């Protein structure tokens, strides 16, 4: 029962992300999109590294 709700939640996120990317493709040039996704990827890597470092500091 809970698994169905979680699955629906993630499916909704996937659908919304596809709609967002489709809209961005219509509006922005390809070069800008590639730079945008590169910057988002870098920010996510830095966030993951920072949160992992913070967790390690709390453990010690």
Protein backbone atom coordinates (compact mmCIF):
# COMPACT_ATOMS: atom_id res chain seq x y z
CA UNK A 1 0.00 0.00 0.00
CA UNK A 2 2.78 2.45 0.87
CA UNK A 3 4.83 1.25 -2.10
CA UNK A 4 2.06 2.31 -4.47
CA UNK A 5 2.08 5.84 -3.05
CA UNK A 6 5.84 6.12 -3.30
CA UNK A 7 5.76 4.80 -6.87
CA UNK A 8 3.10 7.34 -7.83
CA UNK A 9 5.14 10.13 -6.23
CA UNK A 10 8.25 9.26 -8.23
CA UNK A 11 6.26 8.80 -11.46
CA UNK A 12 4.78 12.26 -11.03
CA UNK A 13 8.25 13.74 -10.56
CA UNK A 14 9.48 11.96 -13.67
CA UNK A 15 6.56 13.24 -15.74
CA UNK A 16 7.00 16.81 -14.51
CA UNK A 17 10.73 16.72 -15.23
CA UNK A 18 10.08 15.47 -18.78
CA UNK A 19 7.56 18.28 -19.33
CA UNK A 20 10.05 20.83 -18.02
CA UNK A 21 12.84 19.57 -20.28
CA UNK A 22 10.50 19.51 -23.27
CA UNK A 23 9.52 23.11 -22.63
CA UNK A 24 13.14 24.17 -22.21
CA UNK A 25 14.06 22.51 -25.51
CA UNK A 26 11.45 24.62 -27.27
CA UNK A 27 12.59 27.88 -25.67
CA UNK A 28 16.37 27.67 -25.19
CA UNK A 29 19.17 26.90 -27.66
CA UNK A 30 20.97 23.57 -27.30
CA UNK A 31 24.21 25.20 -26.14
CA UNK A 32 22.46 26.88 -23.22
CA UNK A 33 20.71 23.66 -22.26
CA UNK A 34 23.95 21.72 -22.17
CA UNK A 35 25.61 24.40 -20.01
CA UNK A 36 22.54 24.49 -17.74
CA UNK A 37 22.56 20.72 -17.20
CA UNK A 38 26.33 20.77 -16.64
CA UNK A 39 25.94 23.44 -13.96
CA UNK A 40 23.08 21.52 -12.31
CA UNK A 41 25.24 18.39 -12.27
CA UNK A 42 28.18 20.21 -10.70
CA UNK A 43 25.94 21.76 -8.04
CA UNK A 44 24.48 18.35 -7.20
CA UNK A 45 27.95 16.78 -6.90
CA UNK A 46 29.09 19.60 -4.61
CA UNK A 47 25.93 19.26 -2.51
CA UNK A 48 26.39 15.50 -2.17
CA UNK A 49 30.06 15.92 -1.24
CA UNK A 50 29.25 18.64 1.28
CA UNK A 51 26.46 16.68 2.96
CA UNK A 52 28.65 13.57 3.15
CA UNK A 53 31.44 15.61 4.72
CA UNK A 54 28.97 17.07 7.23
CA UNK A 55 27.73 13.57 8.17
CA UNK A 56 31.29 12.36 8.65
CA UNK A 57 32.04 15.33 10.94
CA UNK A 58 29.01 14.52 13.12
CA UNK A 59 30.03 10.86 13.39
CA UNK A 60 33.45 11.70 14.84
